[in-house]
Amino acid sequence: MNQRKTKRKGTAGVLAALLLISGCASKEDTRLFENIRKESPELRTLQQTEKAIFERGDANETIVIATYLPEASRSSERFVVAVYPEERLDRTHAFLLNDEAPLSRRQVSRDTLPRRIRRTLPPWFVLYRLDFPRTDKTKLLLTIRNVRGEKRELAFYKGPKYLSTKPHPRF
């Protein structure tokens, strides 16, 4: 009987500690994100990167990796899009950001990109830079549509994704 009480007290103690730690951690989220931004540019880049796959049979697929570059331009929303295989992206692929067409779309050389981006993208992918009209929205929805009308939607956020998507407590 004493073992059961001890076990319950131990379990209750662990739960209380977890609640206390999680409550304290949420107050430090912004500071933690800022430290990550300063100390690890590759991690910051990966936090703003999403992948879409268009399948077409067994091993026949197109892979699209999009990276949002929030600090790259003050006049537009800029993305670097990597595509494999290269012949799978043509003018029939449509890119929209929050239902807006890109202002520009051009193929870029790997050498023109910052090192932190080059290190996160496979070298055999073809790279494009997309510039979209600037928006005040926090959530950015990049829609990619292929020639067969299939579409993939990738969500990006201005600021830390974790802070933008986590539920806020209601009291």
Protein backbone atom coordinates (compact mmCIF):
# COMPACT_ATOMS: atom_id res chain seq x y z
CA MET A 1 0.00 0.00 0.00
CA ASN A 2 2.82 2.42 0.88
CA GLN A 3 4.46 1.63 -2.44
CA ARG A 4 1.32 2.75 -4.31
CA LYS A 5 1.21 6.05 -2.40
CA THR A 6 4.89 6.59 -3.03
CA LYS A 7 4.42 5.79 -6.73
CA ARG A 8 1.50 8.26 -6.98
CA LYS A 9 3.48 10.97 -5.22
CA GLY A 10 6.42 10.35 -7.55
CA THR A 11 4.20 10.51 -10.63
CA ALA A 12 2.48 13.64 -9.37
CA GLY A 13 5.88 15.23 -8.68
CA VAL A 14 7.12 14.46 -12.18
CA LEU A 15 3.92 15.88 -13.72
CA ALA A 16 4.18 19.02 -11.60
CA ALA A 17 7.82 19.48 -12.61
CA LEU A 18 6.94 19.06 -16.29
CA LEU A 19 4.14 21.61 -16.04
CA LEU A 20 6.42 24.05 -14.25
CA ILE A 21 9.20 23.64 -16.81
CA SER A 22 6.87 23.97 -19.80
CA GLY A 23 5.25 27.06 -18.30
CA CYS A 24 8.62 28.69 -17.74
CA ALA A 25 9.93 27.71 -21.13
CA SER A 26 7.09 29.44 -22.96
CA LYS A 27 8.13 32.78 -21.46
CA GLU A 28 11.61 32.35 -22.94
CA ASP A 29 10.53 31.40 -26.48
CA THR A 30 11.36 34.73 -28.08
CA ARG A 31 14.79 34.93 -26.46
CA LEU A 32 15.55 31.33 -27.48
CA PHE A 33 14.59 32.08 -31.09
CA GLU A 34 16.83 35.15 -31.17
CA ASN A 35 19.76 33.08 -29.87
CA ILE A 36 19.17 30.49 -32.60
CA ARG A 37 19.07 33.24 -35.24
CA LYS A 38 22.41 34.62 -34.06
CA GLU A 39 24.26 31.37 -33.39
CA SER A 40 23.09 29.05 -36.18
CA PRO A 41 22.35 30.52 -39.62
CA GLU A 42 21.90 27.03 -41.14
CA LEU A 43 19.27 26.12 -38.57
CA ARG A 44 17.50 29.43 -39.19
CA THR A 45 17.48 28.66 -42.93
CA LEU A 46 16.09 25.17 -42.35
CA GLN A 47 13.30 26.61 -40.20
CA GLN A 48 12.18 28.61 -43.25
CA THR A 49 12.42 25.65 -45.69
CA GLU A 50 9.62 23.33 -46.88
CA LYS A 51 9.48 20.48 -49.41
CA ALA A 52 6.83 19.40 -51.91
CA ILE A 53 6.79 16.24 -54.04
CA PHE A 54 4.83 15.71 -57.25
CA GLU A 55 4.62 11.96 -57.88
CA ARG A 56 4.19 10.48 -61.31
CA GLY A 57 4.57 6.72 -61.22
CA ASP A 58 7.21 4.54 -59.57
CA ALA A 59 10.37 6.64 -59.40
CA ASN A 60 9.13 9.46 -61.57
CA GLU A 61 8.68 12.47 -59.33
CA THR A 62 9.52 16.12 -59.10
CA ILE A 63 10.93 17.42 -55.84
CA VAL A 64 10.62 21.11 -54.99
CA ILE A 65 12.39 22.62 -51.96
CA ALA A 66 11.42 26.21 -51.15
CA THR A 67 13.27 28.47 -48.73
CA TYR A 68 11.80 31.78 -47.58
CA LEU A 69 14.36 34.58 -47.19
CA PRO A 70 12.64 37.18 -44.99
CA GLU A 71 15.63 39.49 -44.66
CA ALA A 72 16.76 39.32 -48.31
CA SER A 73 14.63 42.14 -49.66
CA ARG A 74 12.65 45.00 -48.15
CA SER A 75 10.57 45.53 -51.28
CA SER A 76 9.47 41.92 -51.94
CA GLU A 77 8.98 38.50 -50.41
CA ARG A 78 11.90 36.43 -51.72
CA PHE A 79 12.17 32.67 -52.07
CA VAL A 80 14.85 30.33 -53.37
CA VAL A 81 13.27 27.29 -55.00
CA ALA A 82 15.32 24.16 -55.74
CA VAL A 83 13.93 21.64 -58.25
CA TYR A 84 14.95 18.11 -59.19
CA PRO A 85 15.08 16.90 -61.88
CA GLU A 86 15.72 20.16 -63.68
CA GLU A 87 13.62 19.45 -66.78
CA ARG A 88 10.53 19.04 -64.61
CA LEU A 89 10.15 22.74 -63.89
CA ASP A 90 9.07 24.77 -66.84
CA ARG A 91 6.86 27.76 -67.52
CA THR A 92 3.80 25.56 -67.01
CA HIS A 93 4.52 25.37 -63.28
CA ALA A 94 2.69 28.15 -61.52
CA PHE A 95 3.90 29.71 -58.28
CA LEU A 96 1.58 31.88 -56.20
CA LEU A 97 2.14 33.50 -52.83
CA ASN A 98 -1.14 34.20 -51.05
CA ASP A 99 -2.79 34.08 -54.51
CA GLU A 100 -0.34 36.64 -56.00
CA ALA A 101 1.87 35.85 -59.00
CA PRO A 102 5.63 36.42 -58.70
CA LEU A 103 7.10 39.74 -59.78
CA SER A 104 10.12 37.86 -61.13
CA ARG A 105 11.31 34.29 -61.56
CA ARG A 106 14.82 33.49 -62.71
CA GLN A 107 17.32 30.67 -62.55
CA VAL A 108 20.31 31.44 -60.33
CA SER A 109 23.74 29.98 -59.90
CA ARG A 110 24.62 28.21 -56.66
CA ASP A 111 27.60 30.58 -56.29
CA THR A 112 25.33 33.64 -56.06
CA LEU A 113 23.54 32.33 -52.95
CA PRO A 114 24.69 32.90 -49.37
CA ARG A 115 26.73 30.03 -47.94
CA ARG A 116 24.06 29.18 -45.35
CA ILE A 117 21.59 28.43 -48.17
CA ARG A 118 24.06 26.57 -50.39
CA ARG A 119 24.82 24.21 -47.53
CA THR A 120 21.16 23.23 -47.06
CA LEU A 121 20.31 22.43 -50.71
CA PRO A 122 21.54 19.37 -52.63
CA PRO A 123 24.06 20.30 -55.36
CA TRP A 124 22.19 18.47 -58.14
CA PHE A 125 19.05 20.62 -57.80
CA VAL A 126 18.44 23.56 -60.15
CA LEU A 127 17.89 26.83 -58.30
CA TYR A 128 15.43 29.64 -58.98
CA ARG A 129 14.81 32.94 -57.24
CA LEU A 130 11.21 34.09 -56.94
CA ASP A 131 10.24 37.59 -55.84
CA PHE A 132 6.63 38.23 -54.85
CA PRO A 133 4.86 41.47 -53.87
CA ARG A 134 5.55 42.49 -50.27
CA THR A 135 2.74 41.65 -47.82
CA ASP A 136 1.96 42.51 -44.22
CA LYS A 137 0.50 39.07 -43.52
CA THR A 138 2.30 36.89 -40.98
CA LYS A 139 1.44 33.61 -42.73
CA LEU A 140 2.64 33.16 -46.30
CA LEU A 141 1.12 30.36 -48.38
CA LEU A 142 3.26 29.37 -51.36
CA THR A 143 1.19 27.41 -53.89
CA ILE A 144 2.91 25.34 -56.57
CA ARG A 145 0.80 23.98 -59.43
CA ASN A 146 2.17 21.64 -62.11
CA VAL A 147 1.08 21.13 -65.72
CA ARG A 148 -1.44 18.42 -64.72
CA GLY A 149 -3.18 20.81 -62.34
CA GLU A 150 -1.88 19.17 -59.16
CA LYS A 151 -1.00 21.64 -56.46
CA ARG A 152 1.01 21.67 -53.28
CA GLU A 153 0.76 24.37 -50.63
CA LEU A 154 3.66 25.24 -48.38
CA ALA A 155 3.17 27.46 -45.33
CA PHE A 156 5.83 29.93 -44.25
CA TYR A 157 5.77 32.47 -41.44
CA LYS A 158 7.37 35.83 -40.85
CA GLY A 159 9.25 35.24 -37.65
CA PRO A 160 9.58 31.92 -35.87
CA LYS A 161 7.17 29.25 -37.10
CA TYR A 162 6.97 27.75 -33.61
CA LEU A 163 5.78 31.02 -32.08
CA SER A 164 3.36 31.72 -34.93
CA THR A 165 1.63 28.33 -34.84
CA LYS A 166 1.62 27.42 -31.17
CA PRO A 167 -1.72 27.76 -29.39
CA HIS A 168 -2.04 30.66 -26.99
CA PRO A 169 -3.60 29.90 -23.62
CA ARG A 170 -7.02 31.41 -23.00
CA PHE A 171 -7.85 32.38 -19.46
